[in-house]
Each structure stands twice: as C-alpha cells, then as structure tokens.
PDB file of all heavy atoms in Angstrom:
ATOM      1  N   HIS A   1      65.168 115.798  41.077  1.00  0.00           N
ATOM      2  CA  HIS A   1      65.729 116.239  39.875  1.00  0.00           C
ATOM      3  C   HIS A   1      64.782 117.273  39.181  1.00  0.00           C
ATOM      4  O   HIS A   1      65.159 118.358  38.782  1.00  0.00           O
ATOM      5  CB  HIS A   1      66.121 115.051  38.922  1.00  0.00           C
ATOM      6  CG  HIS A   1      66.710 115.433  37.745  1.00  0.00           C
ATOM      7  ND1 HIS A   1      68.014 115.976  37.652  1.00  0.00           N
ATOM      8  CD2 HIS A   1      66.273 115.534  36.415  1.00  0.00           C
ATOM      9  CE1 HIS A   1      68.349 116.396  36.343  1.00  0.00           C
ATOM     10  NE2 HIS A   1      67.373 116.041  35.608  1.00  0.00           N
ATOM     11  N   ALA A   2      63.626 116.677  38.986  1.00  0.00           N
ATOM     12  CA  ALA A   2      62.513 117.571  38.458  1.00  0.00           C
ATOM     13  C   ALA A   2      62.222 118.877  39.362  1.00  0.00           C
ATOM     14  O   ALA A   2      62.004 119.935  38.880  1.00  0.00           O
ATOM     15  CB  ALA A   2      61.163 116.864  38.079  1.00  0.00           C
ATOM     16  N   MET A   3      62.213 118.579  40.682  1.00  0.00           N
ATOM     17  CA  MET A   3      61.851 119.676  41.529  1.00  0.00           C
ATOM     18  C   MET A   3      62.929 120.773  41.461  1.00  0.00           C
ATOM     19  O   MET A   3      62.648 121.979  41.376  1.00  0.00           O
ATOM     20  CB  MET A   3      61.753 119.174  42.949  1.00  0.00           C
ATOM     21  CG  MET A   3      60.559 118.283  43.249  1.00  0.00           C
ATOM     22  SD  MET A   3      60.579 117.742  45.029  1.00  0.00           S
ATOM     23  CE  MET A   3      59.145 116.748  45.039  1.00  0.00           C
ATOM     24  N   ALA A   4      64.206 120.486  41.472  1.00  0.00           N
ATOM     25  CA  ALA A   4      65.256 121.404  41.225  1.00  0.00           C
ATOM     26  C   ALA A   4      65.165 122.180  39.933  1.00  0.00           C
ATOM     27  O   ALA A   4      65.391 123.358  39.854  1.00  0.00           O
ATOM     28  CB  ALA A   4      66.683 120.656  41.368  1.00  0.00           C
ATOM     29  N   ARG A   5      64.819 121.423  38.967  1.00  0.00           N
ATOM     30  CA  ARG A   5      64.635 122.013  37.530  1.00  0.00           C
ATOM     31  C   ARG A   5      63.560 123.133  37.501  1.00  0.00           C
ATOM     32  O   ARG A   5      63.569 124.103  36.954  1.00  0.00           O
ATOM     33  CB  ARG A   5      64.508 121.000  36.513  1.00  0.00           C
ATOM     34  CG  ARG A   5      64.416 121.526  35.173  1.00  0.00           C
ATOM     35  CD  ARG A   5      64.503 120.399  34.127  1.00  0.00           C
ATOM     36  NE  ARG A   5      63.223 119.633  34.072  1.00  0.00           N
ATOM     37  CZ  ARG A   5      63.067 118.427  34.428  1.00  0.00           C
ATOM     38  NH1 ARG A   5      64.148 117.753  34.972  1.00  0.00           N
ATOM     39  NH2 ARG A   5      61.942 117.672  34.378  1.00  0.00           N
ATOM     40  N   HIS A   6      62.479 122.917  38.344  1.00  0.00           N
ATOM     41  CA  HIS A   6      61.343 123.840  38.349  1.00  0.00           C
ATOM     42  C   HIS A   6      61.374 124.694  39.611  1.00  0.00           C
ATOM     43  O   HIS A   6      60.323 125.394  39.993  1.00  0.00           O
ATOM     44  CB  HIS A   6      60.093 122.996  38.256  1.00  0.00           C
ATOM     45  CG  HIS A   6      59.829 122.440  36.885  1.00  0.00           C
ATOM     46  ND1 HIS A   6      59.654 123.135  35.818  1.00  0.00           N
ATOM     47  CD2 HIS A   6      59.935 121.085  36.569  1.00  0.00           C
ATOM     48  CE1 HIS A   6      59.660 122.210  34.776  1.00  0.00           C
ATOM     49  NE2 HIS A   6      59.708 120.889  35.275  1.00  0.00           N
ATOM     50  N   GLY A   7      62.424 124.741  40.404  1.00  0.00           N
ATOM     51  CA  GLY A   7      62.619 125.648  41.557  1.00  0.00           C
ATOM     52  C   GLY A   7      61.645 125.194  42.670  1.00  0.00           C
ATOM     53  O   GLY A   7      61.174 126.182  43.414  1.00  0.00           O
ATOM     54  N   VAL A   8      61.354 123.976  42.928  1.00  0.00           N
ATOM     55  CA  VAL A   8      60.514 123.635  44.077  1.00  0.00           C
ATOM     56  C   VAL A   8      61.332 122.911  45.107  1.00  0.00           C
ATOM     57  O   VAL A   8      61.967 121.923  44.902  1.00  0.00           O
ATOM     58  CB  VAL A   8      59.438 122.524  43.646  1.00  0.00           C
ATOM     59  CG1 VAL A   8      58.606 122.170  44.829  1.00  0.00           C
ATOM     60  CG2 VAL A   8      58.515 123.179  42.560  1.00  0.00           C
ATOM     61  N   ASP A   9      61.382 123.625  46.308  1.00  0.00           N
ATOM     62  CA  ASP A   9      62.124 122.970  47.450  1.00  0.00           C
ATOM     63  C   ASP A   9      61.066 122.361  48.395  1.00  0.00           C
ATOM     64  O   ASP A   9      60.496 123.194  49.235  1.00  0.00           O
ATOM     65  CB  ASP A   9      62.887 124.134  48.166  1.00  0.00           C
ATOM     66  CG  ASP A   9      63.881 123.590  49.281  1.00  0.00           C
ATOM     67  OD1 ASP A   9      63.611 122.562  49.792  1.00  0.00           O
ATOM     68  OD2 ASP A   9      64.747 124.319  49.464  1.00  0.00           O
ATOM     69  N   ALA A  10      61.028 121.109  48.487  1.00  0.00           N
ATOM     70  CA  ALA A  10      60.029 120.382  49.321  1.00  0.00           C
ATOM     71  C   ALA A  10      60.340 120.636  50.845  1.00  0.00           C
ATOM     72  O   ALA A  10      59.487 120.439  51.673  1.00  0.00           O
ATOM     73  CB  ALA A  10      60.012 118.977  48.932  1.00  0.00           C
ATOM     74  N   GLY A  11      61.592 120.987  51.189  1.00  0.00           N
ATOM     75  CA  GLY A  11      61.893 121.252  52.594  1.00  0.00           C
ATOM     76  C   GLY A  11      61.496 122.642  53.008  1.00  0.00           C
ATOM     77  O   GLY A  11      61.361 122.872  54.258  1.00  0.00           O
ATOM     78  N   LYS A  12      61.181 123.514  52.089  1.00  0.00           N
ATOM     79  CA  LYS A  12      60.830 124.804  52.395  1.00  0.00           C
ATOM     80  C   LYS A  12      59.302 125.233  52.058  1.00  0.00           C
ATOM     81  O   LYS A  12      58.694 126.084  52.698  1.00  0.00           O
ATOM     82  CB  LYS A  12      61.745 125.862  51.769  1.00  0.00           C
ATOM     83  CG  LYS A  12      63.211 125.761  52.312  1.00  0.00           C
ATOM     84  CD  LYS A  12      64.093 126.832  51.680  1.00  0.00           C
ATOM     85  CE  LYS A  12      65.524 126.687  52.151  1.00  0.00           C
ATOM     86  NZ  LYS A  12      66.505 127.679  51.536  1.00  0.00           N
ATOM     87  N   ALA A  13      58.888 124.622  50.937  1.00  0.00           N
ATOM     88  CA  ALA A  13      57.549 124.992  50.539  1.00  0.00           C
ATOM     89  C   ALA A  13      56.535 124.424  51.510  1.00  0.00           C
ATOM     90  O   ALA A  13      56.526 123.194  51.820  1.00  0.00           O
ATOM     91  CB  ALA A  13      57.276 124.365  49.067  1.00  0.00           C
ATOM     92  N   THR A  14      55.602 125.426  52.003  1.00  0.00           N
ATOM     93  CA  THR A  14      54.616 125.030  53.001  1.00  0.00           C
ATOM     94  C   THR A  14      53.225 124.715  52.361  1.00  0.00           C
ATOM     95  O   THR A  14      53.013 125.462  51.326  1.00  0.00           O
ATOM     96  CB  THR A  14      54.673 125.905  54.160  1.00  0.00           C
ATOM     97  OG1 THR A  14      54.283 127.260  53.640  1.00  0.00           O
ATOM     98  CG2 THR A  14      55.926 126.037  54.898  1.00  0.00           C
ATOM     99  N   VAL A  15      52.506 123.905  52.930  1.00  0.00           N
ATOM    100  CA  VAL A  15      51.136 123.590  52.424  1.00  0.00           C
ATOM    101  C   VAL A  15      50.120 123.651  53.603  1.00  0.00           C
ATOM    102  O   VAL A  15      50.541 123.612  54.699  1.00  0.00           O
ATOM    103  CB  VAL A  15      51.009 122.344  51.709  1.00  0.00           C
ATOM    104  CG1 VAL A  15      52.054 122.355  50.460  1.00  0.00           C
ATOM    105  CG2 VAL A  15      51.572 121.111  52.605  1.00  0.00           C
ATOM    106  N   ARG A  16      48.880 123.751  53.257  1.00  0.00           N
ATOM    107  CA  ARG A  16      47.961 123.626  54.293  1.00  0.00           C
ATOM    108  C   ARG A  16      46.672 123.029  53.892  1.00  0.00           C
ATOM    109  O   ARG A  16      46.205 122.928  52.665  1.00  0.00           O
ATOM    110  CB  ARG A  16      47.614 125.118  54.752  1.00  0.00           C
ATOM    111  CG  ARG A  16      47.050 126.142  53.751  1.00  0.00           C
ATOM    112  CD  ARG A  16      46.755 127.467  54.373  1.00  0.00           C
ATOM    113  NE  ARG A  16      45.841 127.278  55.389  1.00  0.00           N
ATOM    114  CZ  ARG A  16      45.763 128.288  56.359  1.00  0.00           C
ATOM    115  NH1 ARG A  16      46.562 129.308  56.393  1.00  0.00           N
ATOM    116  NH2 ARG A  16      44.835 128.060  57.408  1.00  0.00           N
ATOM    117  N   SER A  17      45.906 122.534  54.840  1.00  0.00           N
ATOM    118  CA  SER A  17      44.561 121.852  54.530  1.00  0.00           C
ATOM    119  C   SER A  17      43.730 122.038  55.805  1.00  0.00           C
ATOM    120  O   SER A  17      44.138 121.393  56.873  1.00  0.00           O
ATOM    121  CB  SER A  17      44.666 120.431  54.078  1.00  0.00           C
ATOM    122  OG  SER A  17      43.403 119.887  53.843  1.00  0.00           O
ATOM    123  N   PRO A  18      42.710 122.874  55.823  1.00  0.00           N
ATOM    124  CA  PRO A  18      41.846 123.067  57.082  1.00  0.00           C
ATOM    125  C   PRO A  18      41.348 121.771  57.627  1.00  0.00           C
ATOM    126  O   PRO A  18      41.156 120.803  56.849  1.00  0.00           O
ATOM    127  CB  PRO A  18      40.709 123.901  56.474  1.00  0.00           C
ATOM    128  CG  PRO A  18      41.330 124.565  55.403  1.00  0.00           C
ATOM    129  CD  PRO A  18      42.185 123.661  54.749  1.00  0.00           C
ATOM    130  N   LYS A  19      41.026 121.702  58.881  1.00  0.00           N
ATOM    131  CA  LYS A  19      40.541 120.333  59.483  1.00  0.00           C
ATOM    132  C   LYS A  19      39.377 119.880  58.694  1.00  0.00           C
ATOM    133  O   LYS A  19      38.390 120.586  58.546  1.00  0.00           O
ATOM    134  CB  LYS A  19      40.203 120.687  60.949  1.00  0.00           C
ATOM    135  CG  LYS A  19      39.897 119.391  61.763  1.00  0.00           C
ATOM    136  CD  LYS A  19      39.641 119.740  63.187  1.00  0.00           C
ATOM    137  CE  LYS A  19      39.232 118.570  63.897  1.00  0.00           C
ATOM    138  NZ  LYS A  19      39.028 118.872  65.456  1.00  0.00           N
ATOM    139  N   SER A  20      39.371 118.643  58.323  1.00  0.00           N
ATOM    140  CA  SER A  20      38.423 118.069  57.594  1.00  0.00           C
ATOM    141  C   SER A  20      38.617 116.539  57.548  1.00  0.00           C
ATOM    142  O   SER A  20      39.596 116.033  57.838  1.00  0.00           O
ATOM    143  CB  SER A  20      38.228 118.624  56.197  1.00  0.00           C
ATOM    144  OG  SER A  20      39.396 118.130  55.459  1.00  0.00           O
ATOM    145  N   ARG A  21      37.569 115.813  57.194  1.00  0.00           N
ATOM    146  CA  ARG A  21      37.706 114.390  56.912  1.00  0.00           C
ATOM    147  C   ARG A  21      37.858 114.144  55.459  1.00  0.00           C
ATOM    148  O   ARG A  21      37.063 114.572  54.617  1.00  0.00           O
ATOM    149  CB  ARG A  21      36.401 113.651  57.534  1.00  0.00           C
ATOM    150  CG  ARG A  21      36.771 112.126  57.435  1.00  0.00           C
ATOM    151  CD  ARG A  21      35.771 111.313  58.396  1.00  0.00           C
ATOM    152  NE  ARG A  21      36.004 109.971  58.419  1.00  0.00           N
ATOM    153  CZ  ARG A  21      36.932 109.440  59.259  1.00  0.00           C
ATOM    154  NH1 ARG A  21      37.631 110.216  60.035  1.00  0.00           N
ATOM    155  NH2 ARG A  21      37.039 108.158  59.301  1.00  0.00           N
ATOM    156  N   THR A  22      38.960 113.492  55.118  1.00  0.00           N
ATOM    157  CA  THR A  22      39.270 113.229  53.689  1.00  0.00           C
ATOM    158  C   THR A  22      40.019 111.933  53.452  1.00  0.00           C
ATOM    159  O   THR A  22      40.147 111.117  54.458  1.00  0.00           O
ATOM    160  CB  THR A  22      40.217 114.313  53.247  1.00  0.00           C
ATOM    161  OG1 THR A  22      40.386 114.365  51.846  1.00  0.00           O
ATOM    162  CG2 THR A  22      41.549 114.363  53.956  1.00  0.00           C
ATOM    163  N   THR A  23      40.370 111.581  52.292  1.00  0.00           N
ATOM    164  CA  THR A  23      41.142 110.356  52.024  1.00  0.00           C
ATOM    165  C   THR A  23      42.650 110.830  51.811  1.00  0.00           C
ATOM    166  O   THR A  23      42.893 111.980  51.521  1.00  0.00           O
ATOM    167  CB  THR A  23      40.589 109.587  50.781  1.00  0.00           C
ATOM    168  OG1 THR A  23      40.797 110.537  49.671  1.00  0.00           O
ATOM    169  CG2 THR A  23      39.070 109.343  50.959  1.00  0.00           C
ATOM    170  N   TYR A  24      43.468 109.792  51.826  1.00  0.00           N
ATOM    171  CA  TYR A  24      44.873 110.160  51.677  1.00  0.00           C
ATOM    172  C   TYR A  24      45.069 110.640  50.210  1.00  0.00           C
ATOM    173  O   TYR A  24      45.882 111.532  49.983  1.00  0.00           O
ATOM    174  CB  TYR A  24      45.732 108.920  51.929  1.00  0.00           C
ATOM    175  CG  TYR A  24      45.696 108.531  53.353  1.00  0.00           C
ATOM    176  CD1 TYR A  24      44.949 107.492  53.916  1.00  0.00           C
ATOM    177  CD2 TYR A  24      46.556 109.148  54.300  1.00  0.00           C
ATOM    178  CE1 TYR A  24      44.979 107.163  55.279  1.00  0.00           C
ATOM    179  CE2 TYR A  24      46.561 108.917  55.622  1.00  0.00           C
ATOM    180  CZ  TYR A  24      45.684 107.882  56.104  1.00  0.00           C
ATOM    181  OH  TYR A  24      45.803 107.573  57.452  1.00  0.00           O
ATOM    182  N   HIS A  25      44.357 109.951  49.131  1.00  0.00           N
ATOM    183  CA  HIS A  25      44.411 110.293  47.897  1.00  0.00           C
ATOM    184  C   HIS A  25      44.153 111.837  47.745  1.00  0.00           C
ATOM    185  O   HIS A  25      44.809 112.574  47.127  1.00  0.00           O
ATOM    186  CB  HIS A  25      43.641 109.531  46.980  1.00  0.00           C
ATOM    187  CG  HIS A  25      43.263 110.024  45.647  1.00  0.00           C
ATOM    188  ND1 HIS A  25      44.250 110.170  44.686  1.00  0.00           N
ATOM    189  CD2 HIS A  25      42.103 110.663  45.130  1.00  0.00           C
ATOM    190  CE1 HIS A  25      43.752 110.692  43.607  1.00  0.00           C
ATOM    191  NE2 HIS A  25      42.510 111.044  43.846  1.00  0.00           N
ATOM    192  N   ASN A  26      42.882 112.279  48.145  1.00  0.00           N
ATOM    193  CA  ASN A  26      42.517 113.667  47.967  1.00  0.00           C
ATOM    194  C   ASN A  26      43.401 114.686  48.720  1.00  0.00           C
ATOM    195  O   ASN A  26      43.657 115.624  48.255  1.00  0.00           O
ATOM    196  CB  ASN A  26      41.055 113.796  48.537  1.00  0.00           C
ATOM    197  CG  ASN A  26      40.007 113.029  47.576  1.00  0.00           C
ATOM    198  OD1 ASN A  26      40.258 112.914  46.408  1.00  0.00           O
ATOM    199  ND2 ASN A  26      38.857 112.738  48.129  1.00  0.00           N
ATOM    200  N   LEU A  27      43.868 114.243  49.931  1.00  0.00           N
ATOM    201  CA  LEU A  27      44.824 115.069  50.643  1.00  0.00           C
ATOM    202  C   LEU A  27      46.005 115.298  49.825  1.00  0.00           C
ATOM    203  O   LEU A  27      46.639 116.437  49.739  1.00  0.00           O
ATOM    204  CB  LEU A  27      45.043 114.528  52.091  1.00  0.00           C
ATOM    205  CG  LEU A  27      45.873 115.446  52.907  1.00  0.00           C
ATOM    206  CD1 LEU A  27      45.279 116.858  53.291  1.00  0.00           C
ATOM    207  CD2 LEU A  27      46.440 114.696  54.256  1.00  0.00           C
ATOM    208  N   LEU A  28      46.719 114.233  49.379  1.00  0.00           N
ATOM    209  CA  LEU A  28      47.802 114.448  48.632  1.00  0.00           C
ATOM    210  C   LEU A  28      47.654 115.273  47.363  1.00  0.00           C
ATOM    211  O   LEU A  28      48.466 116.147  47.109  1.00  0.00           O
ATOM    212  CB  LEU A  28      48.390 113.022  48.145  1.00  0.00           C
ATOM    213  CG  LEU A  28      49.190 112.111  49.194  1.00  0.00           C
ATOM    214  CD1 LEU A  28      49.270 110.787  48.754  1.00  0.00           C
ATOM    215  CD2 LEU A  28      50.544 112.802  49.307  1.00  0.00           C
ATOM    216  N   ARG A  29      46.633 115.114  46.677  1.00  0.00           N
ATOM    217  CA  ARG A  29      46.391 115.862  45.490  1.00  0.00           C
ATOM    218  C   ARG A  29      46.239 117.362  45.883  1.00  0.00           C
ATOM    219  O   ARG A  29      46.740 118.241  45.186  1.00  0.00           O
ATOM    220  CB  ARG A  29      45.061 115.392  44.862  1.00  0.00           C
ATOM    221  CG  ARG A  29      45.149 114.075  44.143  1.00  0.00           C
ATOM    222  CD  ARG A  29      46.069 114.219  42.838  1.00  0.00           C
ATOM    223  NE  ARG A  29      45.943 112.925  42.032  1.00  0.00           N
ATOM    224  CZ  ARG A  29      46.961 112.369  41.389  1.00  0.00           C
ATOM    225  NH1 ARG A  29      48.123 113.001  41.481  1.00  0.00           N
ATOM    226  NH2 ARG A  29      46.866 111.397  40.694  1.00  0.00           N
TER     227      ARG A  29
END
C-alpha cells in the first residue's frame, strides 16, 4: 500500500551489492 503510494514497484526496481561478506541486516539495509 505504501509502495504504491510512493511509486515503488518491488517487482521491477532492481538493486545491487558487490561480492562481499556481510550480515543479513546490513544487506537488507
């Protein structure tokens, strides 16, 4: 509901994170 209100499509918006060792918390953020 909030995503639609702010124009964020989680099915289309792409993200990236170069190969590294991290925690799930840091990666999510």
